[in-house]
Amino acid sequence: MWGFRVWGCVAMGLACGAAMAHETAFIDHFKSIGPDWHVAEYDFDHDKFDTDWRRMHVKPAVFEDGSGLTLQLSPHDDGLNRFAGGSIRREETSHYGTYEVRMRAASHPGIVTGFFTYTGPYYGTHHDEIDIEILGKNTRQIHLAWFVDGALENRFVDLGFDASEKMATYAFEWLPDRLRWFVDGVEIYRHQQTDGGVPKLPSRLFLNLWAADPSIAHWAGTVRSGTQTQAHVEYVRYIPWDADPTEEGL
C-alpha cells in the first residue's frame, strides 16, 4: 500500500540543525524526469500486488505547457503479474516537513493511486511509511495510512467530490509529534504522538499506480480483466520542517 516551528525540535529532544541539514525543498512540474527521480522497471514479487513496474508507464510533459506526469496501468503478459503500472521515487531521502501533490486519481475497482513516503528492509531499516491513497473502487474517499516499525494504522475520509474527475491538491505534514493530512488546503485528519506512534525515519517519496492482488479485494476491490487506466499529476512539492514556505519557487 502500500506549521514549522523550531521549538518542536527542542520539545522532542532533537538537534534541529543536525536533523535538517541535508533537507532540500523542491517543487517539480515534470517537464522532464530529472536525475532526482528513479523510474521503476522490474517484475514485482509482492503478495499484495498484481503489478509489475514499467518505465513506459511513466510519462512526463503531458499538459499543453509541457508540464505534468501521467502514470498508466494496463494488462500485460511478459512479467510475473497480470498488469504493468508506473512507479517513480525520489533518489534521496527526506524527513519532517510538508509533502504535497496536485493530481487526478485513476478509477476502476482494484486500482490504487498512491503518494507516500516509505523506508523498510530493502533500504536497511525497519518499515516506516505515510500514505495518501485513492482506491479506484470509490474515488469519493481518500485512504490515509501510516506504518511505525511495520505496525499499520489507517483511516478512510470522505472527500465530497470524485477524485478521478478533477485535479485536487493532497498533502500531509509530518512532524516528530504528529501527522496531519490536507485536501485543497483544508485539514481532514490529524494523528498525535500521544495517540500512538509517528514514523521517525528519513524515507523516500513515491508516486505509483497499481492493481491489487485478489487477496486484498476486500480492501481495494477486484480488478476486471483488461482494465486500462491512468492518473495525472500536475506537480509534487516538498517543504522541509525548517524551510521558509514563502521562498521563491515554493
C-alpha atoms as a PDB file:
ATOM      1  CA  MET A   1       0.000   0.000   0.000  1.00  0.00           C
ATOM      2  CA  TRP A   2       1.092   0.181   0.138  1.00  0.00           C
ATOM      3  CA  GLY A   3       3.320  24.865  10.531  1.00  0.00           C
ATOM      4  CA  PHE A   4       7.000  24.640  11.017  1.00  0.00           C
ATOM      5  CA  ARG A   5       8.342  25.564  14.461  1.00  0.00           C
ATOM      6  CA  VAL A   6      11.930  25.222  15.706  1.00  0.00           C
ATOM      7  CA  TRP A   7      10.698  24.796  19.284  1.00  0.00           C
ATOM      8  CA  GLY A   8       9.303  21.413  18.212  1.00  0.00           C
ATOM      9  CA  CYS A   9      12.820  20.030  17.869  1.00  0.00           C
ATOM     10  CA  VAL A  10      13.702  21.133  21.374  1.00  0.00           C
ATOM     11  CA  ALA A  11      10.479  19.709  22.778  1.00  0.00           C
ATOM     12  CA  MET A  12      11.138  16.332  21.150  1.00  0.00           C
ATOM     13  CA  GLY A  13      14.797  16.286  22.218  1.00  0.00           C
ATOM     14  CA  LEU A  14      16.129  16.658  18.660  1.00  0.00           C
ATOM     15  CA  ALA A  15      19.026  18.692  17.324  1.00  0.00           C
ATOM     16  CA  CYS A  16      17.342  20.763  14.629  1.00  0.00           C
ATOM     17  CA  GLY A  17      20.443  21.760  12.723  1.00  0.00           C
ATOM     18  CA  ALA A  18      21.769  18.213  12.519  1.00  0.00           C
ATOM     19  CA  ALA A  19      18.388  16.693  11.735  1.00  0.00           C
ATOM     20  CA  MET A  20      17.570  19.080   8.912  1.00  0.00           C
ATOM     21  CA  ALA A  21      20.982  19.865   7.435  1.00  0.00           C
ATOM     22  CA  HIS A  22      20.528  17.548   4.451  1.00  0.00           C
ATOM     23  CA  GLU A  23      16.938  18.564   3.645  1.00  0.00           C
ATOM     24  CA  THR A  24      16.274  20.384   0.369  1.00  0.00           C
ATOM     25  CA  ALA A  25      12.947  21.900  -0.624  1.00  0.00           C
ATOM     26  CA  PHE A  26      11.700  21.282  -4.151  1.00  0.00           C
ATOM     27  CA  ILE A  27       8.747  21.617  -6.475  1.00  0.00           C
ATOM     28  CA  ASP A  28       8.650  19.551  -9.667  1.00  0.00           C
ATOM     29  CA  HIS A  29       6.228  20.145 -12.557  1.00  0.00           C
ATOM     30  CA  PHE A  30       7.735  17.212 -14.526  1.00  0.00           C
ATOM     31  CA  LYS A  31       8.583  18.926 -17.805  1.00  0.00           C
ATOM     32  CA  SER A  32      11.133  16.121 -17.804  1.00  0.00           C
ATOM     33  CA  ILE A  33      12.102  13.400 -15.350  1.00  0.00           C
ATOM     34  CA  GLY A  34      15.370  14.580 -13.867  1.00  0.00           C
ATOM     35  CA  PRO A  35      18.148  12.690 -12.084  1.00  0.00           C
ATOM     36  CA  ASP A  36      16.471  13.279  -8.706  1.00  0.00           C
ATOM     37  CA  TRP A  37      13.846  10.666  -9.658  1.00  0.00           C
ATOM     38  CA  HIS A  38      14.103   6.928 -10.261  1.00  0.00           C
ATOM     39  CA  VAL A  39      11.544   5.265 -12.562  1.00  0.00           C
ATOM     40  CA  ALA A  40      10.926   1.617 -11.714  1.00  0.00           C
ATOM     41  CA  GLU A  41      11.462  -1.137 -14.305  1.00  0.00           C
ATOM     42  CA  TYR A  42      11.179  -4.644 -12.873  1.00  0.00           C
ATOM     43  CA  ASP A  43       8.819  -7.509 -12.129  1.00  0.00           C
ATOM     44  CA  PHE A  44       7.397  -7.038  -8.643  1.00  0.00           C
ATOM     45  CA  ASP A  45       7.156 -10.138  -6.461  1.00  0.00           C
ATOM     46  CA  HIS A  46       4.827  -8.949  -3.700  1.00  0.00           C
ATOM     47  CA  ASP A  47       1.798 -10.765  -2.331  1.00  0.00           C
ATOM     48  CA  LYS A  48      -0.412  -7.634  -2.278  1.00  0.00           C
ATOM     49  CA  PHE A  49       0.334  -6.503  -5.847  1.00  0.00           C
ATOM     50  CA  ASP A  50      -0.785  -7.825  -9.229  1.00  0.00           C
ATOM     51  CA  THR A  51       1.530  -5.317 -10.905  1.00  0.00           C
ATOM     52  CA  ASP A  52       4.972  -5.186 -12.477  1.00  0.00           C
ATOM     53  CA  TRP A  53       6.684  -1.819 -12.988  1.00  0.00           C
ATOM     54  CA  ARG A  54       7.500  -0.492 -16.443  1.00  0.00           C
ATOM     55  CA  ARG A  55       9.239   2.774 -17.403  1.00  0.00           C
ATOM     56  CA  MET A  56       6.958   3.240 -20.391  1.00  0.00           C
ATOM     57  CA  HIS A  57       4.044   3.656 -17.939  1.00  0.00           C
ATOM     58  CA  VAL A  58       5.552   6.875 -16.530  1.00  0.00           C
ATOM     59  CA  LYS A  59       5.237   9.768 -18.992  1.00  0.00           C
ATOM     60  CA  PRO A  60       6.368  13.366 -18.309  1.00  0.00           C
ATOM     61  CA  ALA A  61       5.271  16.574 -20.051  1.00  0.00           C
ATOM     62  CA  VAL A  62       1.626  15.654 -20.649  1.00  0.00           C
ATOM     63  CA  PHE A  63      -0.065  19.081 -20.410  1.00  0.00           C
ATOM     64  CA  GLU A  64      -0.111  21.752 -23.110  1.00  0.00           C
ATOM     65  CA  ASP A  65       2.562  23.831 -21.372  1.00  0.00           C
ATOM     66  CA  GLY A  66       4.924  20.820 -21.288  1.00  0.00           C
ATOM     67  CA  SER A  67       4.416  20.068 -17.620  1.00  0.00           C
ATOM     68  CA  GLY A  68       2.823  17.216 -15.718  1.00  0.00           C
ATOM     69  CA  LEU A  69       3.207  13.485 -15.301  1.00  0.00           C
ATOM     70  CA  THR A  70       0.982  10.567 -16.277  1.00  0.00           C
ATOM     71  CA  LEU A  71       1.059   7.193 -14.551  1.00  0.00           C
ATOM     72  CA  GLN A  72      -0.509   4.438 -16.647  1.00  0.00           C
ATOM     73  CA  LEU A  73      -1.747   0.920 -15.930  1.00  0.00           C
ATOM     74  CA  SER A  74      -2.618  -1.763 -18.460  1.00  0.00           C
ATOM     75  CA  PRO A  75      -2.712  -5.567 -18.832  1.00  0.00           C
ATOM     76  CA  HIS A  76       0.478  -7.332 -19.897  1.00  0.00           C
ATOM     77  CA  ASP A  77       1.758 -10.879 -20.315  1.00  0.00           C
ATOM     78  CA  ASP A  78       5.542 -10.539 -20.072  1.00  0.00           C
ATOM     79  CA  GLY A  79       6.049 -10.443 -16.314  1.00  0.00           C
ATOM     80  CA  LEU A  80       5.142 -12.046 -13.005  1.00  0.00           C
ATOM     81  CA  ASN A  81       1.805 -10.234 -12.746  1.00  0.00           C
ATOM     82  CA  ARG A  82      -1.216  -9.581 -14.946  1.00  0.00           C
ATOM     83  CA  PHE A  83      -0.731  -5.806 -15.089  1.00  0.00           C
ATOM     84  CA  ALA A  84       2.017  -3.257 -15.692  1.00  0.00           C
ATOM     85  CA  GLY A  85       1.945   0.047 -13.826  1.00  0.00           C
ATOM     86  CA  GLY A  86       4.030   3.151 -13.253  1.00  0.00           C
ATOM     87  CA  SER A  87       6.132   3.937 -10.172  1.00  0.00           C
ATOM     88  CA  ILE A  88       8.521   6.817  -9.554  1.00  0.00           C
ATOM     89  CA  ARG A  89      10.510   7.696  -6.416  1.00  0.00           C
ATOM     90  CA  ARG A  90      12.956  10.310  -5.222  1.00  0.00           C
ATOM     91  CA  GLU A  91      16.550   9.139  -5.164  1.00  0.00           C
ATOM     92  CA  GLU A  92      17.311  10.912  -1.867  1.00  0.00           C
ATOM     93  CA  THR A  93      15.539  10.503   1.431  1.00  0.00           C
ATOM     94  CA  SER A  94      13.607  13.316   3.063  1.00  0.00           C
ATOM     95  CA  HIS A  95      12.252  13.725   6.561  1.00  0.00           C
ATOM     96  CA  TYR A  96       9.956  16.019   8.521  1.00  0.00           C
ATOM     97  CA  GLY A  97       8.037  18.600   6.531  1.00  0.00           C
ATOM     98  CA  THR A  98       5.092  19.013   4.183  1.00  0.00           C
ATOM     99  CA  TYR A  99       4.575  16.744   1.158  1.00  0.00           C
ATOM    100  CA  GLU A 100       2.094  17.870  -1.477  1.00  0.00           C
ATOM    101  CA  VAL A 101       0.792  16.583  -4.805  1.00  0.00           C
ATOM    102  CA  ARG A 102      -1.765  18.010  -7.196  1.00  0.00           C
ATOM    103  CA  MET A 103      -3.299  15.165  -9.168  1.00  0.00           C
ATOM    104  CA  ARG A 104      -6.325  13.454 -10.642  1.00  0.00           C
ATOM    105  CA  ALA A 105      -6.578   9.842  -9.495  1.00  0.00           C
ATOM    106  CA  ALA A 106      -7.375   6.744 -11.555  1.00  0.00           C
ATOM    107  CA  SER A 107     -10.707   4.973 -11.306  1.00  0.00           C
ATOM    108  CA  HIS A 108     -11.788   1.270 -11.655  1.00  0.00           C
ATOM    109  CA  PRO A 109     -12.109  -1.329  -8.874  1.00  0.00           C
ATOM    110  CA  GLY A 110      -8.869  -2.852  -7.659  1.00  0.00           C
ATOM    111  CA  ILE A 111      -6.722   0.106  -8.793  1.00  0.00           C
ATOM    112  CA  VAL A 112      -4.744   2.271  -6.352  1.00  0.00           C
ATOM    113  CA  THR A 113      -3.218   5.724  -6.926  1.00  0.00           C
ATOM    114  CA  GLY A 114      -0.524   6.296  -4.302  1.00  0.00           C
ATOM    115  CA  PHE A 115       1.529   9.220  -2.961  1.00  0.00           C
ATOM    116  CA  PHE A 116       3.630   8.217   0.040  1.00  0.00           C
ATOM    117  CA  THR A 117       6.904   8.110   1.934  1.00  0.00           C
ATOM    118  CA  TYR A 118       8.483   4.731   2.617  1.00  0.00           C
ATOM    119  CA  THR A 119      11.521   3.071   4.119  1.00  0.00           C
ATOM    120  CA  GLY A 120      11.941  -0.575   5.021  1.00  0.00           C
ATOM    121  CA  PRO A 121      14.150  -3.675   4.954  1.00  0.00           C
ATOM    122  CA  TYR A 122      15.167  -3.099   1.307  1.00  0.00           C
ATOM    123  CA  TYR A 123      16.831   0.130   2.496  1.00  0.00           C
ATOM    124  CA  GLY A 124      18.278  -1.485   5.626  1.00  0.00           C
ATOM    125  CA  THR A 125      15.744  -0.070   8.099  1.00  0.00           C
ATOM    126  CA  HIS A 126      12.529  -1.063   9.777  1.00  0.00           C
ATOM    127  CA  HIS A 127       9.261  -0.251   7.991  1.00  0.00           C
ATOM    128  CA  ASP A 128       8.036   3.360   8.364  1.00  0.00           C
ATOM    129  CA  GLU A 129       5.516   4.772   5.876  1.00  0.00           C
ATOM    130  CA  ILE A 130       2.994   7.599   5.407  1.00  0.00           C
ATOM    131  CA  ASP A 131       0.314   7.226   2.726  1.00  0.00           C
ATOM    132  CA  ILE A 132      -2.216   9.076   0.665  1.00  0.00           C
ATOM    133  CA  GLU A 133      -4.119   6.563  -1.489  1.00  0.00           C
ATOM    134  CA  ILE A 134      -7.162   6.837  -3.709  1.00  0.00           C
ATOM    135  CA  LEU A 135      -8.853   3.480  -4.260  1.00  0.00           C
ATOM    136  CA  GLY A 136     -10.435   3.196  -7.675  1.00  0.00           C
ATOM    137  CA  LYS A 137     -13.431   1.325  -6.303  1.00  0.00           C
ATOM    138  CA  ASN A 138     -14.582   4.517  -4.540  1.00  0.00           C
ATOM    139  CA  THR A 139     -12.875   7.681  -5.727  1.00  0.00           C
ATOM    140  CA  ARG A 140     -15.020   9.828  -3.445  1.00  0.00           C
ATOM    141  CA  GLN A 141     -12.890   8.714  -0.476  1.00  0.00           C
ATOM    142  CA  ILE A 142      -9.235   9.027   0.464  1.00  0.00           C
ATOM    143  CA  HIS A 143      -7.326   6.347   2.369  1.00  0.00           C
ATOM    144  CA  LEU A 144      -4.831   7.657   4.921  1.00  0.00           C
ATOM    145  CA  ALA A 145      -2.334   5.222   6.421  1.00  0.00           C
ATOM    146  CA  TRP A 146       0.885   5.178   8.402  1.00  0.00           C
ATOM    147  CA  PHE A 147       3.280   2.439   9.483  1.00  0.00           C
ATOM    148  CA  VAL A 148       5.576   2.672  12.509  1.00  0.00           C
ATOM    149  CA  ASP A 149       8.090  -0.178  12.613  1.00  0.00           C
ATOM    150  CA  GLY A 150       5.691  -2.230  10.488  1.00  0.00           C
ATOM    151  CA  ALA A 151       2.564  -1.562  12.573  1.00  0.00           C
ATOM    152  CA  LEU A 152      -0.292  -0.167  10.454  1.00  0.00           C
ATOM    153  CA  GLU A 153      -2.885   2.460  11.333  1.00  0.00           C
ATOM    154  CA  ASN A 154      -5.327   3.792   8.745  1.00  0.00           C
ATOM    155  CA  ARG A 155      -8.485   5.793   8.143  1.00  0.00           C
ATOM    156  CA  PHE A 156     -10.910   6.436   5.285  1.00  0.00           C
ATOM    157  CA  VAL A 157     -12.164  10.018   4.870  1.00  0.00           C
ATOM    158  CA  ASP A 158     -14.939  11.201   2.546  1.00  0.00           C
ATOM    159  CA  LEU A 159     -13.771  13.788   0.032  1.00  0.00           C
ATOM    160  CA  GLY A 160     -17.075  15.339  -1.029  1.00  0.00           C
ATOM    161  CA  PHE A 161     -16.019  15.088  -4.691  1.00  0.00           C
ATOM    162  CA  ASP A 162     -14.838  12.466  -7.185  1.00  0.00           C
ATOM    163  CA  ALA A 163     -11.015  12.361  -7.189  1.00  0.00           C
ATOM    164  CA  SER A 164     -10.993  10.747 -10.650  1.00  0.00           C
ATOM    165  CA  GLU A 165     -12.931  13.629 -12.236  1.00  0.00           C
ATOM    166  CA  LYS A 166     -10.892  16.686 -11.230  1.00  0.00           C
ATOM    167  CA  MET A 167      -7.488  17.865 -10.141  1.00  0.00           C
ATOM    168  CA  ALA A 168      -7.151  18.368  -6.387  1.00  0.00           C
ATOM    169  CA  THR A 169      -4.276  19.134  -4.029  1.00  0.00           C
ATOM    170  CA  TYR A 170      -3.442  16.467  -1.439  1.00  0.00           C
ATOM    171  CA  ALA A 171      -0.827  16.897   1.288  1.00  0.00           C
ATOM    172  CA  PHE A 172       0.458  15.562   4.551  1.00  0.00           C
ATOM    173  CA  GLU A 173       2.510  17.301   7.211  1.00  0.00           C
ATOM    174  CA  TRP A 174       4.964  15.038   9.037  1.00  0.00           C
ATOM    175  CA  LEU A 175       6.403  16.333  12.320  1.00  0.00           C
ATOM    176  CA  PRO A 176       8.067  14.486  15.220  1.00  0.00           C
ATOM    177  CA  ASP A 177       4.909  14.588  17.318  1.00  0.00           C
ATOM    178  CA  ARG A 178       2.064  14.477  14.774  1.00  0.00           C
ATOM    179  CA  LEU A 179       0.773  13.798  11.279  1.00  0.00           C
ATOM    180  CA  ARG A 180      -1.802  15.983   9.510  1.00  0.00           C
ATOM    181  CA  TRP A 181      -3.467  15.412   6.122  1.00  0.00           C
ATOM    182  CA  PHE A 182      -4.991  18.093   3.893  1.00  0.00           C
ATOM    183  CA  VAL A 183      -7.167  18.271   0.778  1.00  0.00           C
ATOM    184  CA  ASP A 184      -7.168  21.573  -1.120  1.00  0.00           C
ATOM    185  CA  GLY A 185      -5.640  23.256   1.916  1.00  0.00           C
ATOM    186  CA  VAL A 186      -8.230  22.006   4.423  1.00  0.00           C
ATOM    187  CA  GLU A 187      -7.114  19.703   7.234  1.00  0.00           C
ATOM    188  CA  ILE A 188      -9.072  16.427   7.060  1.00  0.00           C
ATOM    189  CA  TYR A 189      -7.347  14.305   9.700  1.00  0.00           C
ATOM    190  CA  ARG A 190      -4.756  14.582  12.478  1.00  0.00           C
ATOM    191  CA  HIS A 191      -2.828  11.916  14.383  1.00  0.00           C
ATOM    192  CA  GLN A 192      -0.889  12.882  17.516  1.00  0.00           C
ATOM    193  CA  GLN A 193       2.104  11.093  19.023  1.00  0.00           C
ATOM    194  CA  THR A 194       0.097  10.892  22.242  1.00  0.00           C
ATOM    195  CA  ASP A 195      -2.462   8.703  20.413  1.00  0.00           C
ATOM    196  CA  GLY A 196       0.148   6.278  19.077  1.00  0.00           C
ATOM    197  CA  GLY A 197       3.423   6.180  17.188  1.00  0.00           C
ATOM    198  CA  VAL A 198       4.591   8.546  14.443  1.00  0.00           C
ATOM    199  CA  PRO A 199       7.119   7.455  11.772  1.00  0.00           C
ATOM    200  CA  LYS A 200      10.628   8.633  12.648  1.00  0.00           C
ATOM    201  CA  LEU A 201      12.995   7.504   9.887  1.00  0.00           C
ATOM    202  CA  PRO A 202      14.013   9.543   6.822  1.00  0.00           C
ATOM    203  CA  SER A 203      12.202   7.975   3.860  1.00  0.00           C
ATOM    204  CA  ARG A 204      11.872   8.097   0.083  1.00  0.00           C
ATOM    205  CA  LEU A 205       8.943   9.765  -1.624  1.00  0.00           C
ATOM    206  CA  PHE A 206       6.937   7.670  -4.132  1.00  0.00           C
ATOM    207  CA  LEU A 207       4.156   8.112  -6.670  1.00  0.00           C
ATOM    208  CA  ASN A 208       2.621   4.988  -8.175  1.00  0.00           C
ATOM    209  CA  LEU A 209      -0.377   3.418  -9.873  1.00  0.00           C
ATOM    210  CA  TRP A 210      -1.035  -0.276  -9.334  1.00  0.00           C
ATOM    211  CA  ALA A 211      -3.502  -3.160  -9.495  1.00  0.00           C
ATOM    212  CA  ALA A 212      -4.197  -5.007  -6.266  1.00  0.00           C
ATOM    213  CA  ASP A 213      -3.811  -8.744  -5.849  1.00  0.00           C
ATOM    214  CA  PRO A 214      -7.131 -10.622  -5.379  1.00  0.00           C
ATOM    215  CA  SER A 215      -6.056 -11.422  -1.812  1.00  0.00           C
ATOM    216  CA  ILE A 216      -6.817  -7.808  -0.795  1.00  0.00           C
ATOM    217  CA  ALA A 217     -10.002  -7.417  -2.836  1.00  0.00           C
ATOM    218  CA  HIS A 218     -11.872  -6.756   0.424  1.00  0.00           C
ATOM    219  CA  TRP A 219      -9.858  -3.511   0.674  1.00  0.00           C
ATOM    220  CA  ALA A 220      -9.194  -2.438  -2.912  1.00  0.00           C
ATOM    221  CA  GLY A 221     -11.872  -4.226  -4.929  1.00  0.00           C
ATOM    222  CA  THR A 222     -11.414  -6.730  -7.741  1.00  0.00           C
ATOM    223  CA  VAL A 223      -9.596  -5.687 -10.897  1.00  0.00           C
ATOM    224  CA  ARG A 224     -11.509  -6.513 -14.041  1.00  0.00           C
ATOM    225  CA  SER A 225      -9.600  -8.331 -16.771  1.00  0.00           C
ATOM    226  CA  GLY A 226      -8.423  -5.896 -19.429  1.00  0.00           C
ATOM    227  CA  THR A 227      -8.559  -2.802 -17.201  1.00  0.00           C
ATOM    228  CA  GLN A 228      -6.617   0.192 -18.520  1.00  0.00           C
ATOM    229  CA  THR A 229      -6.480   3.499 -16.677  1.00  0.00           C
ATOM    230  CA  GLN A 230      -4.239   6.425 -15.772  1.00  0.00           C
ATOM    231  CA  ALA A 231      -3.595   9.088 -13.139  1.00  0.00           C
ATOM    232  CA  HIS A 232      -2.416  12.626 -13.922  1.00  0.00           C
ATOM    233  CA  VAL A 233      -0.028  14.645 -11.742  1.00  0.00           C
ATOM    234  CA  GLU A 234       0.379  18.420 -12.083  1.00  0.00           C
ATOM    235  CA  TYR A 235       3.216  18.840  -9.579  1.00  0.00           C
ATOM    236  CA  VAL A 236       4.878  17.464  -6.441  1.00  0.00           C
ATOM    237  CA  ARG A 237       6.241  19.698  -3.704  1.00  0.00           C
ATOM    238  CA  TYR A 238       8.238  19.163  -0.513  1.00  0.00           C
ATOM    239  CA  ILE A 239       8.955  21.822   2.123  1.00  0.00           C
ATOM    240  CA  PRO A 240      11.269  20.705   4.952  1.00  0.00           C
ATOM    241  CA  TRP A 241      10.215  21.367   8.506  1.00  0.00           C
ATOM    242  CA  ASP A 242      12.534  24.367   8.991  1.00  0.00           C
ATOM    243  CA  ALA A 243      12.182  25.825   5.468  1.00  0.00           C
ATOM    244  CA  ASP A 244      10.634  29.183   4.685  1.00  0.00           C
ATOM    245  CA  PRO A 245       7.453  28.349   2.712  1.00  0.00           C
ATOM    246  CA  THR A 246       7.497  31.832   1.174  1.00  0.00           C
ATOM    247  CA  GLU A 247      10.838  31.119  -0.523  1.00  0.00           C
ATOM    248  CA  GLU A 248      10.650  31.828  -4.236  1.00  0.00           C
ATOM    249  CA  GLY A 249       9.662  28.756  -6.224  1.00  0.00           C
ATOM    250  CA  LEU A 250       7.887  27.003  -3.354  1.00  0.00           C
END
